[in-house]
C-alpha cells in the first residue's frame, strides 16, 4: 500500500505543493506521479492528496489530514524497523562487495 517511493512522493507533494514538481524531483514522469497518487487515493478510505487544476491562478496539491497521518505512520514504522534490525543491516552491509576495488 505504501513504501519508500510512495512516501517520498507524498513528502515531495507536502514540500512543493505540486504533484508534478514532486515527481520531477524524484526523476519520475508527470504521468507516473499522477498514477501513483490516484492509486493511493483509491486505496485508502479517504484521499491522501487533494489537487486543484492549473490555470491563471495556478494549480497545486496538498496532503489531506489522512495523507499526513499515513505518511507519519509510515515514517514511524520505518524508523522502528530500522532500529530493531540495526545489527542485521550491518551484517548485510558487511557481505557487500567492495566496489572501490573495481574499475
N, C-alpha and C. Protein backbone atom coordinates (compact mmCIF):
# COMPACT_ATOMS: atom_id res chain seq x y z
N UNK A 1 0.81 -1.20 0.00
CA UNK A 1 0.00 0.00 0.00
C UNK A 1 0.85 1.26 0.00
N UNK A 2 1.93 1.23 0.75
CA UNK A 2 2.86 2.38 0.75
C UNK A 2 4.25 1.85 1.07
N UNK A 3 5.21 2.40 0.38
CA UNK A 3 6.61 2.03 0.57
C UNK A 3 7.47 3.27 0.43
N UNK A 4 8.76 3.10 0.31
CA UNK A 4 9.67 4.25 0.27
C UNK A 4 9.38 5.24 -0.87
N UNK A 5 9.06 4.72 -2.04
CA UNK A 5 8.80 5.61 -3.19
C UNK A 5 7.54 6.43 -3.03
N UNK A 6 6.46 5.77 -2.61
CA UNK A 6 5.20 6.50 -2.41
C UNK A 6 5.33 7.48 -1.26
N UNK A 7 6.03 7.09 -0.21
CA UNK A 7 6.24 8.00 0.92
C UNK A 7 7.05 9.22 0.47
N UNK A 8 8.08 8.99 -0.35
CA UNK A 8 8.88 10.11 -0.85
C UNK A 8 8.04 11.03 -1.73
N UNK A 9 7.15 10.45 -2.52
CA UNK A 9 6.27 11.27 -3.36
C UNK A 9 5.34 12.11 -2.49
N UNK A 10 4.74 11.49 -1.47
CA UNK A 10 3.88 12.25 -0.56
C UNK A 10 4.65 13.38 0.12
N UNK A 11 5.86 13.07 0.55
CA UNK A 11 6.70 14.08 1.20
C UNK A 11 7.00 15.22 0.23
N UNK A 12 7.32 14.86 -1.02
CA UNK A 12 7.60 15.88 -2.03
C UNK A 12 6.39 16.76 -2.31
N UNK A 13 5.21 16.16 -2.34
CA UNK A 13 3.98 16.94 -2.55
C UNK A 13 3.78 17.90 -1.38
N UNK A 14 4.00 17.41 -0.17
CA UNK A 14 3.86 18.26 1.01
C UNK A 14 4.83 19.44 0.95
N UNK A 15 6.04 19.18 0.48
CA UNK A 15 7.07 20.23 0.43
C UNK A 15 6.88 21.22 -0.71
N UNK A 16 6.47 20.72 -1.89
CA UNK A 16 6.40 21.58 -3.07
C UNK A 16 5.02 22.11 -3.38
N UNK A 17 3.99 21.43 -2.86
CA UNK A 17 2.62 21.84 -3.20
C UNK A 17 2.24 21.47 -4.62
N UNK A 18 2.97 20.49 -5.19
CA UNK A 18 2.75 20.12 -6.58
C UNK A 18 3.08 18.65 -6.81
N UNK A 19 2.16 17.94 -7.46
CA UNK A 19 2.41 16.54 -7.80
C UNK A 19 3.50 16.45 -8.86
N UNK A 20 3.42 17.30 -9.87
CA UNK A 20 4.41 17.24 -10.96
C UNK A 20 5.80 17.63 -10.46
N UNK A 21 5.91 18.64 -9.61
CA UNK A 21 7.21 19.05 -9.08
C UNK A 21 7.80 17.96 -8.18
N UNK A 22 6.96 17.32 -7.39
CA UNK A 22 7.43 16.23 -6.53
C UNK A 22 7.94 15.07 -7.38
N UNK A 23 7.20 14.73 -8.41
CA UNK A 23 7.63 13.67 -9.32
C UNK A 23 8.93 14.01 -10.02
N UNK A 24 9.03 15.24 -10.53
CA UNK A 24 10.26 15.68 -11.23
C UNK A 24 11.47 15.57 -10.31
N UNK A 25 11.31 15.97 -9.06
CA UNK A 25 12.41 15.92 -8.09
C UNK A 25 12.90 14.48 -7.88
N UNK A 26 12.01 13.53 -8.13
CA UNK A 26 12.36 12.12 -7.97
C UNK A 26 12.79 11.47 -9.28
N UNK A 27 12.81 12.26 -10.37
CA UNK A 27 13.15 11.71 -11.68
C UNK A 27 12.01 10.88 -12.25
N UNK A 28 10.80 11.22 -11.88
CA UNK A 28 9.61 10.47 -12.26
C UNK A 28 8.80 11.30 -13.26
N UNK A 29 8.20 10.63 -14.22
CA UNK A 29 7.37 11.34 -15.19
C UNK A 29 6.11 11.89 -14.51
N UNK A 30 5.55 12.91 -15.11
CA UNK A 30 4.31 13.51 -14.65
C UNK A 30 3.22 12.45 -14.56
N UNK A 31 3.11 11.62 -15.61
CA UNK A 31 2.08 10.58 -15.65
C UNK A 31 2.27 9.56 -14.53
N UNK A 32 3.50 9.15 -14.30
CA UNK A 32 3.77 8.17 -13.24
C UNK A 32 3.40 8.73 -11.87
N UNK A 33 3.77 9.99 -11.61
CA UNK A 33 3.44 10.62 -10.33
C UNK A 33 1.92 10.66 -10.12
N UNK A 34 1.20 11.08 -11.15
CA UNK A 34 -0.26 11.15 -11.05
C UNK A 34 -0.87 9.77 -10.87
N UNK A 35 -0.34 8.78 -11.57
CA UNK A 35 -0.84 7.41 -11.44
C UNK A 35 -0.68 6.90 -10.02
N UNK A 36 0.48 7.16 -9.41
CA UNK A 36 0.71 6.74 -8.03
C UNK A 36 -0.24 7.45 -7.06
N UNK A 37 -0.44 8.74 -7.26
CA UNK A 37 -1.35 9.50 -6.40
C UNK A 37 -2.77 8.96 -6.53
N UNK A 38 -3.20 8.72 -7.76
CA UNK A 38 -4.55 8.19 -7.97
C UNK A 38 -4.70 6.82 -7.32
N UNK A 39 -3.67 5.98 -7.42
CA UNK A 39 -3.71 4.65 -6.79
C UNK A 39 -3.80 4.77 -5.28
N UNK A 40 -2.99 5.65 -4.69
CA UNK A 40 -3.04 5.82 -3.24
C UNK A 40 -4.39 6.38 -2.80
N UNK A 41 -4.90 7.35 -3.54
CA UNK A 41 -6.19 7.94 -3.18
C UNK A 41 -7.31 6.89 -3.22
N UNK A 42 -7.22 5.96 -4.17
CA UNK A 42 -8.25 4.93 -4.30
C UNK A 42 -8.09 3.83 -3.24
N UNK A 43 -6.88 3.63 -2.77
CA UNK A 43 -6.56 2.53 -1.86
C UNK A 43 -7.04 2.78 -0.43
N UNK A 44 -7.04 4.03 -0.03
CA UNK A 44 -7.42 4.37 1.35
C UNK A 44 -8.86 4.84 1.39
N UNK A 45 -9.46 4.77 2.57
CA UNK A 45 -10.87 5.17 2.72
C UNK A 45 -11.09 6.63 2.33
N UNK A 46 -10.10 7.46 2.60
CA UNK A 46 -10.17 8.88 2.24
C UNK A 46 -8.95 9.21 1.41
N UNK A 47 -9.05 10.19 0.50
CA UNK A 47 -7.90 10.56 -0.33
C UNK A 47 -6.72 11.04 0.52
N UNK A 48 -5.52 10.78 0.02
CA UNK A 48 -4.31 11.24 0.70
C UNK A 48 -3.85 12.58 0.15
N UNK A 49 -4.22 12.85 -1.11
CA UNK A 49 -3.79 14.09 -1.78
C UNK A 49 -5.00 14.75 -2.41
N UNK A 50 -5.10 16.07 -2.21
CA UNK A 50 -6.11 16.88 -2.89
C UNK A 50 -5.38 17.74 -3.89
N UNK A 51 -5.95 17.88 -5.09
CA UNK A 51 -5.29 18.70 -6.10
C UNK A 51 -6.29 19.65 -6.73
N UNK A 52 -5.74 20.75 -7.25
CA UNK A 52 -6.53 21.73 -7.99
C UNK A 52 -5.90 21.90 -9.36
N UNK A 53 -6.73 21.98 -10.38
CA UNK A 53 -6.23 22.16 -11.74
C UNK A 53 -5.48 23.48 -11.87
N UNK A 54 -4.53 23.47 -12.80
CA UNK A 54 -3.79 24.70 -13.10
C UNK A 54 -4.69 25.68 -13.82
N UNK A 55 -4.20 26.84 -14.03
CA UNK A 55 -4.96 27.89 -14.70
C UNK A 55 -4.29 29.21 -14.42
N UNK A 56 -5.01 30.31 -14.58
CA UNK A 56 -4.41 31.62 -14.33
C UNK A 56 -3.82 31.77 -12.94
N UNK A 57 -4.50 31.21 -11.94
CA UNK A 57 -4.00 31.27 -10.57
C UNK A 57 -3.06 30.12 -10.23
N UNK A 58 -2.90 29.20 -11.15
CA UNK A 58 -2.04 28.04 -10.92
C UNK A 58 -2.78 26.96 -10.16
N UNK A 59 -2.34 25.76 -10.33
CA UNK A 59 -2.94 24.63 -9.63
C UNK A 59 -2.19 24.36 -8.34
N UNK A 60 -2.23 23.17 -7.91
CA UNK A 60 -1.50 22.81 -6.72
C UNK A 60 -2.01 21.54 -6.12
N UNK A 61 -1.31 21.05 -5.14
CA UNK A 61 -1.70 19.83 -4.45
C UNK A 61 -1.23 19.90 -3.01
N UNK A 62 -1.93 19.20 -2.16
CA UNK A 62 -1.58 19.17 -0.75
C UNK A 62 -2.02 17.84 -0.17
N UNK A 63 -1.34 17.43 0.88
CA UNK A 63 -1.76 16.23 1.59
C UNK A 63 -2.99 16.56 2.41
N UNK A 64 -3.90 15.63 2.43
CA UNK A 64 -5.06 15.76 3.31
C UNK A 64 -4.61 15.39 4.72
N UNK A 65 -5.50 15.53 5.66
CA UNK A 65 -5.19 15.12 7.03
C UNK A 65 -4.87 13.62 7.05
N UNK A 66 -5.64 12.84 6.29
CA UNK A 66 -5.37 11.40 6.20
C UNK A 66 -4.02 11.14 5.55
N UNK A 67 -3.69 11.91 4.52
CA UNK A 67 -2.40 11.76 3.85
C UNK A 67 -1.25 12.02 4.80
N UNK A 68 -1.36 13.05 5.61
CA UNK A 68 -0.32 13.36 6.59
C UNK A 68 -0.23 12.27 7.64
N UNK A 69 -1.38 11.74 8.05
CA UNK A 69 -1.39 10.66 9.03
C UNK A 69 -0.73 9.40 8.47
N UNK A 70 -1.04 9.04 7.23
CA UNK A 70 -0.43 7.87 6.59
C UNK A 70 1.07 8.05 6.48
N UNK A 71 1.52 9.23 6.05
CA UNK A 71 2.95 9.49 5.92
C UNK A 71 3.64 9.42 7.28
N UNK A 72 3.05 9.99 8.31
CA UNK A 72 3.63 9.93 9.66
C UNK A 72 3.72 8.50 10.18
N UNK A 73 2.66 7.72 9.97
CA UNK A 73 2.67 6.32 10.42
C UNK A 73 3.74 5.52 9.68
N UNK A 74 3.86 5.74 8.37
CA UNK A 74 4.88 5.04 7.59
C UNK A 74 6.28 5.38 8.13
N UNK A 75 6.52 6.65 8.38
CA UNK A 75 7.83 7.07 8.91
C UNK A 75 8.13 6.40 10.25
N UNK A 76 7.13 6.33 11.12
CA UNK A 76 7.32 5.68 12.43
C UNK A 76 7.62 4.19 12.27
N UNK A 77 6.87 3.52 11.41
CA UNK A 77 7.09 2.09 11.17
C UNK A 77 8.49 1.86 10.61
N UNK A 78 8.89 2.68 9.65
CA UNK A 78 10.21 2.54 9.02
C UNK A 78 11.32 2.77 10.05
N UNK A 79 11.19 3.81 10.84
CA UNK A 79 12.22 4.12 11.84
C UNK A 79 12.36 3.00 12.86
N UNK A 80 11.24 2.47 13.32
CA UNK A 80 11.29 1.38 14.29
C UNK A 80 11.87 0.11 13.68
N UNK A 81 11.52 -0.18 12.43
CA UNK A 81 12.06 -1.37 11.75
C UNK A 81 13.57 -1.25 11.59
N UNK A 82 14.04 -0.07 11.24
CA UNK A 82 15.49 0.15 11.08
C UNK A 82 16.20 -0.02 12.42
N UNK A 83 15.63 0.52 13.48
CA UNK A 83 16.26 0.43 14.80
C UNK A 83 16.32 -1.02 15.29
N UNK A 84 15.23 -1.74 15.13
CA UNK A 84 15.18 -3.14 15.58
C UNK A 84 16.16 -4.01 14.79
N UNK A 85 16.37 -3.69 13.53
CA UNK A 85 17.20 -4.52 12.66
C UNK A 85 18.58 -3.94 12.40
N UNK A 86 19.03 -3.04 13.23
CA UNK A 86 20.32 -2.38 13.04
C UNK A 86 21.46 -3.40 12.88
N UNK A 87 21.51 -4.38 13.74
CA UNK A 87 22.57 -5.40 13.68
C UNK A 87 22.52 -6.21 12.40
N UNK A 88 21.34 -6.63 12.01
CA UNK A 88 21.18 -7.41 10.78
C UNK A 88 21.56 -6.60 9.55
N UNK A 89 21.18 -5.33 9.55
CA UNK A 89 21.54 -4.46 8.43
C UNK A 89 23.05 -4.28 8.33
N UNK A 90 23.71 -4.13 9.47
CA UNK A 90 25.17 -4.01 9.47
C UNK A 90 25.80 -5.29 8.94
N UNK A 91 25.23 -6.43 9.32
CA UNK A 91 25.74 -7.72 8.83
C UNK A 91 25.56 -7.82 7.32
N UNK A 92 24.41 -7.41 6.82
CA UNK A 92 24.19 -7.42 5.36
C UNK A 92 25.18 -6.52 4.65
N UNK A 93 25.40 -5.31 5.20
CA UNK A 93 26.36 -4.38 4.57
C UNK A 93 27.75 -5.00 4.56
N UNK A 94 28.09 -5.76 5.59
CA UNK A 94 29.39 -6.41 5.64
C UNK A 94 29.56 -7.48 4.58
N UNK A 95 28.49 -7.98 4.04
CA UNK A 95 28.54 -9.01 3.00
C UNK A 95 28.63 -8.42 1.59
N UNK A 96 28.48 -7.11 1.48
CA UNK A 96 28.54 -6.46 0.16
C UNK A 96 29.97 -6.47 -0.37
N UNK A 97 30.09 -6.55 -1.67
CA UNK A 97 31.40 -6.49 -2.31
C UNK A 97 31.96 -5.08 -2.17
N UNK A 98 33.27 -4.98 -2.09
CA UNK A 98 33.93 -3.68 -2.02
C UNK A 98 34.04 -3.13 -3.42
N UNK A 99 33.20 -2.18 -3.75
CA UNK A 99 33.14 -1.65 -5.12
C UNK A 99 34.30 -0.70 -5.43
N UNK A 100 35.04 -0.26 -4.42
CA UNK A 100 36.15 0.67 -4.67
C UNK A 100 37.31 -0.01 -5.38
N UNK A 101 37.38 -1.35 -5.30
CA UNK A 101 38.46 -2.10 -5.97
C UNK A 101 38.16 -2.33 -7.45
N UNK A 102 36.92 -2.13 -7.86
CA UNK A 102 36.52 -2.41 -9.25
C UNK A 102 36.58 -1.17 -10.10
N UNK A 103 37.00 -1.35 -11.30
CA UNK A 103 37.07 -0.21 -12.22
C UNK A 103 36.39 -0.52 -13.50
